[in-house]
Amino acid sequence: MTTPADRPGRIALVDDDAVFMRALAANLRGAGHEVVCFDDPSVALEKYKTTPAIDAWVLDWDMPQMDGLTLLRALRAHDPGSHGPGAQGGGAPVLLLTSHGQPIFEEAALAAGAADFIDKSRGPAIILHRIARALAPRAPADPGASAGSRIGALELSPGGRRALWRDQAVPLSRAEFDVVAMLAEHAGHDVEYRRLYDLVRGDGFIAGQGAEGYRANVRAMVKRIRQKFIRIDPEFDELHNYPGVGYRWRQPR
């Protein structure tokens, strides 16, 4: 099953599973994308410098010699447009495909700069949807706040997805910025796990084990966000967890 691409692009697929790659490539072409396929990650990396501009990379996690996470890090190391974990900057978004659903794998992928982390078993339609989201221009979390807003010591500039804490830049990924912006917008009120995960992954996206497995993924992301603030301010204590409910950004005093 294919769906038309909202923004057709040139997609690079890297997967040592020839059958899966052919099937996914056919779906991508059916949706209007141009596709370049590599069955060897080392060759993909070598060709990176001479291959015409790539709009998005889709990497399998489990590959011999070089796994997808290692290739992702290598691509980012060669990409002067990439500005830290999760930040695409001028670089093409990279999506990792895997059968590993545990939060530790998703956390590692996003921390390395992946734009998305997708369970291969979800099927081509879901993968195409995730690629379309990665290619789509990202609107600010709160379009009405493009001029910026301040919540206590936190300053947010949605237009550039820039966050400052006590006038120091916090190196948040785009997804992390959106989570912080939502929590800060509702400062003093609980924001449910599901609402936070929907913000990052799309409505109703399934992750982890069981009906509420996505909560572990949210906890891992919020932990990573908290650590970034604490590196700037060891006394940071604005993010609070309410077990069974979600998270709250403390109301400024």
C-alpha atoms as a PDB file:
ATOM      1  CA  MET A   1       0.000   0.000   0.000  1.00  0.00           C
ATOM      2  CA  THR A   2       1.349   3.425  -0.897  1.00  0.00           C
ATOM      3  CA  THR A   3       0.202   6.951  -0.237  1.00  0.00           C
ATOM      4  CA  PRO A   4       1.172  10.088  -2.203  1.00  0.00           C
ATOM      5  CA  ALA A   5       4.127  11.946  -0.728  1.00  0.00           C
ATOM      6  CA  ASP A   6       3.294  15.402   0.616  1.00  0.00           C
ATOM      7  CA  ARG A   7       6.829  16.423  -0.301  1.00  0.00           C
ATOM      8  CA  PRO A   8       8.582  13.969  -2.657  1.00  0.00           C
ATOM      9  CA  GLY A   9      12.279  13.635  -1.985  1.00  0.00           C
ATOM     10  CA  ARG A  10      15.424  11.683  -2.775  1.00  0.00           C
ATOM     11  CA  ILE A  11      15.602   8.908  -0.206  1.00  0.00           C
ATOM     12  CA  ALA A  12      18.652   6.749   0.523  1.00  0.00           C
ATOM     13  CA  LEU A  13      17.873   3.256   1.859  1.00  0.00           C
ATOM     14  CA  VAL A  14      20.615   1.254   3.569  1.00  0.00           C
ATOM     15  CA  ASP A  15      19.688  -2.328   4.466  1.00  0.00           C
ATOM     16  CA  ASP A  16      21.388  -5.694   3.970  1.00  0.00           C
ATOM     17  CA  ASP A  17      17.974  -7.400   3.653  1.00  0.00           C
ATOM     18  CA  ALA A  18      17.496  -7.259  -0.119  1.00  0.00           C
ATOM     19  CA  VAL A  19      13.864  -8.432  -0.049  1.00  0.00           C
ATOM     20  CA  PHE A  20      12.780  -5.850   2.521  1.00  0.00           C
ATOM     21  CA  MET A  21      14.715  -3.064   0.788  1.00  0.00           C
ATOM     22  CA  ARG A  22      13.172  -3.835  -2.613  1.00  0.00           C
ATOM     23  CA  ALA A  23       9.675  -3.831  -1.116  1.00  0.00           C
ATOM     24  CA  LEU A  24      10.206  -0.555   0.754  1.00  0.00           C
ATOM     25  CA  ALA A  25      11.856   1.058  -2.278  1.00  0.00           C
ATOM     26  CA  ALA A  26       8.868   0.093  -4.434  1.00  0.00           C
ATOM     27  CA  ASN A  27       6.492   1.672  -1.922  1.00  0.00           C
ATOM     28  CA  LEU A  28       8.570   4.836  -1.753  1.00  0.00           C
ATOM     29  CA  ARG A  29       8.699   5.133  -5.540  1.00  0.00           C
ATOM     30  CA  GLY A  30       4.963   4.499  -5.678  1.00  0.00           C
ATOM     31  CA  ALA A  31       4.521   7.428  -3.292  1.00  0.00           C
ATOM     32  CA  GLY A  32       6.500   9.699  -5.605  1.00  0.00           C
ATOM     33  CA  HIS A  33       9.974   9.555  -4.051  1.00  0.00           C
ATOM     34  CA  GLU A  34      13.261   8.937  -5.845  1.00  0.00           C
ATOM     35  CA  VAL A  35      15.162   6.109  -4.141  1.00  0.00           C
ATOM     36  CA  VAL A  36      18.853   5.211  -3.918  1.00  0.00           C
ATOM     37  CA  CYS A  37      19.578   1.767  -2.394  1.00  0.00           C
ATOM     38  CA  PHE A  38      22.694   0.478  -0.648  1.00  0.00           C
ATOM     39  CA  ASP A  39      23.077  -3.035   0.748  1.00  0.00           C
ATOM     40  CA  ASP A  40      26.460  -2.209   2.302  1.00  0.00           C
ATOM     41  CA  PRO A  41      26.714   0.630   4.858  1.00  0.00           C
ATOM     42  CA  SER A  42      30.423   1.124   4.114  1.00  0.00           C
ATOM     43  CA  VAL A  43      29.625   1.723   0.446  1.00  0.00           C
ATOM     44  CA  ALA A  44      26.809   4.117   1.409  1.00  0.00           C
ATOM     45  CA  LEU A  45      29.214   6.113   3.565  1.00  0.00           C
ATOM     46  CA  GLU A  46      31.857   6.159   0.830  1.00  0.00           C
ATOM     47  CA  LYS A  47      29.340   7.290  -1.788  1.00  0.00           C
ATOM     48  CA  TYR A  48      27.966   9.964   0.564  1.00  0.00           C
ATOM     49  CA  LYS A  49      30.470  12.567  -0.617  1.00  0.00           C
ATOM     50  CA  THR A  50      29.740  12.052  -4.324  1.00  0.00           C
ATOM     51  CA  THR A  51      26.049  11.073  -4.321  1.00  0.00           C
ATOM     52  CA  PRO A  52      23.737  13.954  -5.311  1.00  0.00           C
ATOM     53  CA  ALA A  53      21.852  15.593  -2.458  1.00  0.00           C
ATOM     54  CA  ILE A  54      19.872  13.196  -0.270  1.00  0.00           C
ATOM     55  CA  ASP A  55      16.685  14.490   1.367  1.00  0.00           C
ATOM     56  CA  ALA A  56      16.421  11.679   3.939  1.00  0.00           C
ATOM     57  CA  TRP A  57      18.327   8.549   4.978  1.00  0.00           C
ATOM     58  CA  VAL A  58      16.574   5.366   6.109  1.00  0.00           C
ATOM     59  CA  LEU A  59      18.958   2.968   7.847  1.00  0.00           C
ATOM     60  CA  ASP A  60      18.456  -0.544   9.131  1.00  0.00           C
ATOM     61  CA  TRP A  61      19.831  -0.987  12.647  1.00  0.00           C
ATOM     62  CA  ASP A  62      21.073  -4.591  12.355  1.00  0.00           C
ATOM     63  CA  MET A  63      23.675  -4.856   9.622  1.00  0.00           C
ATOM     64  CA  PRO A  64      26.998  -6.737   9.564  1.00  0.00           C
ATOM     65  CA  GLN A  65      30.318  -4.893   9.795  1.00  0.00           C
ATOM     66  CA  MET A  66      28.625  -1.539  10.493  1.00  0.00           C
ATOM     67  CA  ASP A  67      25.217  -1.242  12.158  1.00  0.00           C
ATOM     68  CA  GLY A  68      22.772   1.562  11.493  1.00  0.00           C
ATOM     69  CA  LEU A  69      23.624   3.482  14.645  1.00  0.00           C
ATOM     70  CA  THR A  70      27.325   3.503  13.739  1.00  0.00           C
ATOM     71  CA  LEU A  71      26.494   4.631  10.205  1.00  0.00           C
ATOM     72  CA  LEU A  72      24.253   7.377  11.578  1.00  0.00           C
ATOM     73  CA  ARG A  73      27.098   8.684  13.733  1.00  0.00           C
ATOM     74  CA  ALA A  74      29.488   8.527  10.780  1.00  0.00           C
ATOM     75  CA  LEU A  75      27.074  10.465   8.558  1.00  0.00           C
ATOM     76  CA  ARG A  76      26.636  13.101  11.220  1.00  0.00           C
ATOM     77  CA  ALA A  77      30.406  13.343  11.729  1.00  0.00           C
ATOM     78  CA  HIS A  78      30.782  14.134   8.009  1.00  0.00           C
ATOM     79  CA  ASP A  79      27.836  16.545   7.967  1.00  0.00           C
ATOM     80  CA  PRO A  80      28.807  20.156   8.742  1.00  0.00           C
ATOM     81  CA  GLY A  81      25.124  21.080   8.827  1.00  0.00           C
ATOM     82  CA  SER A  82      24.408  18.913  11.862  1.00  0.00           C
ATOM     83  CA  HIS A  83      24.453  20.729  15.173  1.00  0.00           C
ATOM     84  CA  GLY A  84      24.397  18.165  17.941  1.00  0.00           C
ATOM     85  CA  PRO A  85      22.127  15.326  19.119  1.00  0.00           C
ATOM     86  CA  GLY A  86      18.838  15.206  17.276  1.00  0.00           C
ATOM     87  CA  ALA A  87      19.423  18.509  15.522  1.00  0.00           C
ATOM     88  CA  GLN A  88      19.223  18.182  11.765  1.00  0.00           C
ATOM     89  CA  GLY A  89      20.539  21.656  11.003  1.00  0.00           C
ATOM     90  CA  GLY A  90      21.400  21.696   7.313  1.00  0.00           C
ATOM     91  CA  GLY A  91      21.745  17.922   7.216  1.00  0.00           C
ATOM     92  CA  ALA A  92      19.226  15.442   5.848  1.00  0.00           C
ATOM     93  CA  PRO A  93      17.065  13.706   8.456  1.00  0.00           C
ATOM     94  CA  VAL A  94      18.077  10.143   9.304  1.00  0.00           C
ATOM     95  CA  LEU A  95      15.497   7.510  10.283  1.00  0.00           C
ATOM     96  CA  LEU A  96      16.491   4.225  11.905  1.00  0.00           C
ATOM     97  CA  LEU A  97      14.533   1.019  11.260  1.00  0.00           C
ATOM     98  CA  THR A  98      14.783  -1.735  13.846  1.00  0.00           C
ATOM     99  CA  SER A  99      13.028  -4.635  15.520  1.00  0.00           C
ATOM    100  CA  HIS A 100      14.408  -3.460  18.874  1.00  0.00           C
ATOM    101  CA  GLY A 101      11.511  -1.747  20.651  1.00  0.00           C
ATOM    102  CA  GLN A 102      13.118  -1.172  24.048  1.00  0.00           C
ATOM    103  CA  PRO A 103      13.483   2.461  25.169  1.00  0.00           C
ATOM    104  CA  ILE A 104      17.292   2.159  25.421  1.00  0.00           C
ATOM    105  CA  PHE A 105      17.517   1.701  21.636  1.00  0.00           C
ATOM    106  CA  GLU A 106      15.216   4.627  20.865  1.00  0.00           C
ATOM    107  CA  GLU A 107      17.132   6.819  23.310  1.00  0.00           C
ATOM    108  CA  ALA A 108      20.459   5.896  21.703  1.00  0.00           C
ATOM    109  CA  ALA A 109      19.112   6.618  18.209  1.00  0.00           C
ATOM    110  CA  LEU A 110      17.657  10.012  19.087  1.00  0.00           C
ATOM    111  CA  ALA A 111      20.719  11.007  21.111  1.00  0.00           C
ATOM    112  CA  ALA A 112      22.915  10.190  18.088  1.00  0.00           C
ATOM    113  CA  GLY A 113      20.887  12.533  15.895  1.00  0.00           C
ATOM    114  CA  ALA A 114      18.139  10.359  14.397  1.00  0.00           C
ATOM    115  CA  ALA A 115      15.031  12.199  13.296  1.00  0.00           C
ATOM    116  CA  ASP A 116      12.919   9.110  13.988  1.00  0.00           C
ATOM    117  CA  PHE A 117      13.085   5.529  15.244  1.00  0.00           C
ATOM    118  CA  ILE A 118      10.706   3.060  13.598  1.00  0.00           C
ATOM    119  CA  ASP A 119       9.781  -0.554  14.263  1.00  0.00           C
ATOM    120  CA  LYS A 120      10.209  -2.386  10.939  1.00  0.00           C
ATOM    121  CA  SER A 121       7.271  -4.641  11.716  1.00  0.00           C
ATOM    122  CA  ARG A 122       4.865  -1.683  11.454  1.00  0.00           C
ATOM    123  CA  GLY A 123       4.887  -2.056   7.682  1.00  0.00           C
ATOM    124  CA  PRO A 124       5.515   0.211   4.657  1.00  0.00           C
ATOM    125  CA  ALA A 125       2.519   2.503   5.223  1.00  0.00           C
ATOM    126  CA  ILE A 126       3.742   3.533   8.675  1.00  0.00           C
ATOM    127  CA  ILE A 127       7.330   3.921   7.467  1.00  0.00           C
ATOM    128  CA  LEU A 128       6.165   6.140   4.581  1.00  0.00           C
ATOM    129  CA  HIS A 129       4.159   8.237   7.017  1.00  0.00           C
ATOM    130  CA  ARG A 130       7.200   8.695   9.264  1.00  0.00           C
ATOM    131  CA  ILE A 131       9.372   9.686   6.289  1.00  0.00           C
ATOM    132  CA  ALA A 132       6.755  12.225   5.208  1.00  0.00           C
ATOM    133  CA  ARG A 133       6.800  13.709   8.724  1.00  0.00           C
ATOM    134  CA  ALA A 134      10.606  13.915   8.647  1.00  0.00           C
ATOM    135  CA  LEU A 135      10.565  15.705   5.278  1.00  0.00           C
ATOM    136  CA  ALA A 136       7.778  18.131   6.188  1.00  0.00           C
ATOM    137  CA  PRO A 137       8.811  21.627   7.262  1.00  0.00           C
ATOM    138  CA  ARG A 138       8.524  21.785  11.034  1.00  0.00           C
ATOM    139  CA  ALA A 139       6.113  24.416  12.294  1.00  0.00           C
ATOM    140  CA  PRO A 140       6.744  25.940  15.708  1.00  0.00           C
ATOM    141  CA  ALA A 141       5.156  24.060  18.616  1.00  0.00           C
ATOM    142  CA  ASP A 142       3.062  27.171  19.207  1.00  0.00           C
ATOM    143  CA  PRO A 143       2.747  29.109  15.946  1.00  0.00           C
ATOM    144  CA  GLY A 144       1.289  32.082  17.813  1.00  0.00           C
ATOM    145  CA  ALA A 145       4.407  32.381  19.928  1.00  0.00           C
ATOM    146  CA  SER A 146       6.942  32.853  17.129  1.00  0.00           C
ATOM    147  CA  ALA A 147       8.201  36.017  18.821  1.00  0.00           C
ATOM    148  CA  GLY A 148       9.267  33.950  21.816  1.00  0.00           C
ATOM    149  CA  SER A 149       8.023  33.529  25.350  1.00  0.00           C
ATOM    150  CA  ARG A 150       9.465  33.411  28.844  1.00  0.00           C
ATOM    151  CA  ILE A 151       8.373  31.157  31.698  1.00  0.00           C
ATOM    152  CA  GLY A 152      10.422  31.975  34.752  1.00  0.00           C
ATOM    153  CA  ALA A 153      14.106  31.410  33.864  1.00  0.00           C
ATOM    154  CA  LEU A 154      13.133  29.585  30.639  1.00  0.00           C
ATOM    155  CA  GLU A 155      13.073  31.503  27.356  1.00  0.00           C
ATOM    156  CA  LEU A 156      11.675  29.846  24.229  1.00  0.00           C
ATOM    157  CA  SER A 157      11.971  30.971  20.609  1.00  0.00           C
ATOM    158  CA  PRO A 158       9.674  28.620  18.662  1.00  0.00           C
ATOM    159  CA  GLY A 159      10.632  29.971  15.240  1.00  0.00           C
ATOM    160  CA  GLY A 160      14.199  28.714  15.606  1.00  0.00           C
ATOM    161  CA  ARG A 161      13.399  26.072  18.229  1.00  0.00           C
ATOM    162  CA  ARG A 162      15.867  27.689  20.570  1.00  0.00           C
ATOM    163  CA  ALA A 163      15.657  27.306  24.350  1.00  0.00           C
ATOM    164  CA  LEU A 164      17.579  29.338  26.909  1.00  0.00           C
ATOM    165  CA  TRP A 165      17.810  28.554  30.610  1.00  0.00           C
ATOM    166  CA  ARG A 166      19.160  31.425  32.715  1.00  0.00           C
ATOM    167  CA  ASP A 167      20.346  32.975  29.431  1.00  0.00           C
ATOM    168  CA  GLN A 168      22.332  29.866  28.426  1.00  0.00           C
ATOM    169  CA  ALA A 169      21.418  27.821  25.348  1.00  0.00           C
ATOM    170  CA  VAL A 170      20.072  24.326  26.038  1.00  0.00           C
ATOM    171  CA  PRO A 171      21.064  21.878  23.229  1.00  0.00           C
ATOM    172  CA  LEU A 172      17.610  20.381  22.694  1.00  0.00           C
ATOM    173  CA  SER A 173      16.625  18.348  19.656  1.00  0.00           C
ATOM    174  CA  ARG A 174      13.516  19.445  17.777  1.00  0.00           C
ATOM    175  CA  ALA A 175      11.383  16.818  19.499  1.00  0.00           C
ATOM    176  CA  GLU A 176      12.811  17.715  22.910  1.00  0.00           C
ATOM    177  CA  PHE A 177      12.115  21.397  22.278  1.00  0.00           C
ATOM    178  CA  ASP A 178       8.495  20.605  21.420  1.00  0.00           C
ATOM    179  CA  VAL A 179       8.095  18.619  24.651  1.00  0.00           C
ATOM    180  CA  VAL A 180       9.594  21.427  26.754  1.00  0.00           C
ATOM    181  CA  ALA A 181       7.405  23.994  24.969  1.00  0.00           C
ATOM    182  CA  MET A 182       4.245  21.981  25.663  1.00  0.00           C
ATOM    183  CA  LEU A 183       5.143  21.441  29.321  1.00  0.00           C
ATOM    184  CA  ALA A 184       6.053  25.099  29.813  1.00  0.00           C
ATOM    185  CA  GLU A 185       2.871  26.245  28.068  1.00  0.00           C
ATOM    186  CA  HIS A 186       0.931  24.225  30.664  1.00  0.00           C
ATOM    187  CA  ALA A 187       3.182  25.159  33.596  1.00  0.00           C
ATOM    188  CA  GLY A 188       1.588  24.144  36.873  1.00  0.00           C
ATOM    189  CA  HIS A 189      -0.593  21.482  35.206  1.00  0.00           C
ATOM    190  CA  ASP A 190      -0.019  17.817  34.397  1.00  0.00           C
ATOM    191  CA  VAL A 191       0.559  16.810  30.764  1.00  0.00           C
ATOM    192  CA  GLU A 192      -0.273  13.161  30.136  1.00  0.00           C
ATOM    193  CA  TYR A 193       2.273  10.620  28.879  1.00  0.00           C
ATOM    194  CA  ARG A 194       0.165   9.910  25.806  1.00  0.00           C
ATOM    195  CA  ARG A 195      -0.144  13.568  24.876  1.00  0.00           C
ATOM    196  CA  LEU A 196       3.628  14.030  25.067  1.00  0.00           C
ATOM    197  CA  TYR A 197       4.300  10.925  22.987  1.00  0.00           C
ATOM    198  CA  ASP A 198       1.685  11.909  20.398  1.00  0.00           C
ATOM    199  CA  LEU A 199       3.433  15.274  20.068  1.00  0.00           C
ATOM    200  CA  VAL A 200       6.688  13.541  19.137  1.00  0.00           C
ATOM    201  CA  ARG A 201       5.536  10.431  17.270  1.00  0.00           C
ATOM    202  CA  GLY A 202       2.046  11.239  15.978  1.00  0.00           C
ATOM    203  CA  ASP A 203      -1.388  10.364  17.296  1.00  0.00           C
ATOM    204  CA  GLY A 204      -1.761   6.813  18.563  1.00  0.00           C
ATOM    205  CA  PHE A 205       1.727   5.612  17.588  1.00  0.00           C
ATOM    206  CA  ILE A 206       2.511   2.307  19.325  1.00  0.00           C
ATOM    207  CA  ALA A 207       5.818   1.739  21.112  1.00  0.00           C
ATOM    208  CA  GLY A 208       7.273  -0.539  23.745  1.00  0.00           C
ATOM    209  CA  GLN A 209       5.645  -3.569  25.320  1.00  0.00           C
ATOM    210  CA  GLY A 210       1.927  -3.599  26.089  1.00  0.00           C
ATOM    211  CA  ALA A 211      -0.782  -0.975  25.709  1.00  0.00           C
ATOM    212  CA  GLU A 212       1.159   1.581  27.751  1.00  0.00           C
ATOM    213  CA  GLY A 213       4.692   0.663  26.677  1.00  0.00           C
ATOM    214  CA  TYR A 214       5.184   4.136  25.219  1.00  0.00           C
ATOM    215  CA  ARG A 215       5.440   5.537  28.758  1.00  0.00           C
ATOM    216  CA  ALA A 216       8.956   4.123  29.120  1.00  0.00           C
ATOM    217  CA  ASN A 217       9.942   6.000  25.951  1.00  0.00           C
ATOM    218  CA  VAL A 218       8.519   9.241  27.335  1.00  0.00           C
ATOM    219  CA  ARG A 219      10.363   8.738  30.619  1.00  0.00           C
ATOM    220  CA  ALA A 220      13.630   8.183  28.734  1.00  0.00           C
ATOM    221  CA  MET A 221      13.135  11.368  26.704  1.00  0.00           C
ATOM    222  CA  VAL A 222      12.234  13.502  29.725  1.00  0.00           C
ATOM    223  CA  LYS A 223      15.234  12.091  31.608  1.00  0.00           C
ATOM    224  CA  ARG A 224      17.458  13.169  28.718  1.00  0.00           C
ATOM    225  CA  ILE A 225      15.864  16.639  28.696  1.00  0.00           C
ATOM    226  CA  ARG A 226      16.323  17.025  32.444  1.00  0.00           C
ATOM    227  CA  GLN A 227      19.986  16.048  32.205  1.00  0.00           C
ATOM    228  CA  LYS A 228      20.610  18.735  29.584  1.00  0.00           C
ATOM    229  CA  PHE A 229      19.188  21.412  31.874  1.00  0.00           C
ATOM    230  CA  ILE A 230      21.122  20.081  34.886  1.00  0.00           C
ATOM    231  CA  ARG A 231      24.407  20.322  32.965  1.00  0.00           C
ATOM    232  CA  ILE A 232      23.736  24.057  32.724  1.00  0.00           C
ATOM    233  CA  ASP A 233      22.212  24.467  36.178  1.00  0.00           C
ATOM    234  CA  PRO A 234      22.850  21.715  38.769  1.00  0.00           C
ATOM    235  CA  GLU A 235      19.952  23.102  40.831  1.00  0.00           C
ATOM    236  CA  PHE A 236      17.430  22.772  38.008  1.00  0.00           C
ATOM    237  CA  ASP A 237      14.178  21.374  39.443  1.00  0.00           C
ATOM    238  CA  GLU A 238      11.352  22.448  37.153  1.00  0.00           C
ATOM    239  CA  LEU A 239      10.355  19.048  35.733  1.00  0.00           C
ATOM    240  CA  HIS A 240       8.247  16.805  37.952  1.00  0.00           C
ATOM    241  CA  ASN A 241       6.832  13.361  37.286  1.00  0.00           C
ATOM    242  CA  TYR A 242       3.405  12.261  38.477  1.00  0.00           C
ATOM    243  CA  PRO A 243       3.386   8.430  38.215  1.00  0.00           C
ATOM    244  CA  GLY A 244       0.474   7.106  36.217  1.00  0.00           C
ATOM    245  CA  VAL A 245      -0.295  10.585  34.840  1.00  0.00           C
ATOM    246  CA  GLY A 246       2.628  12.346  33.171  1.00  0.00           C
ATOM    247  CA  TYR A 247       4.851  15.355  33.741  1.00  0.00           C
ATOM    248  CA  ARG A 248       4.501  18.916  34.937  1.00  0.00           C
ATOM    249  CA  TRP A 249       6.645  22.027  34.473  1.00  0.00           C
ATOM    250  CA  ARG A 250       6.618  23.843  37.785  1.00  0.00           C
ATOM    251  CA  GLN A 251       4.698  27.106  37.867  1.00  0.00           C
ATOM    252  CA  PRO A 252       7.189  29.995  38.172  1.00  0.00           C
ATOM    253  CA  ARG A 253       7.369  31.354  41.686  1.00  0.00           C
END
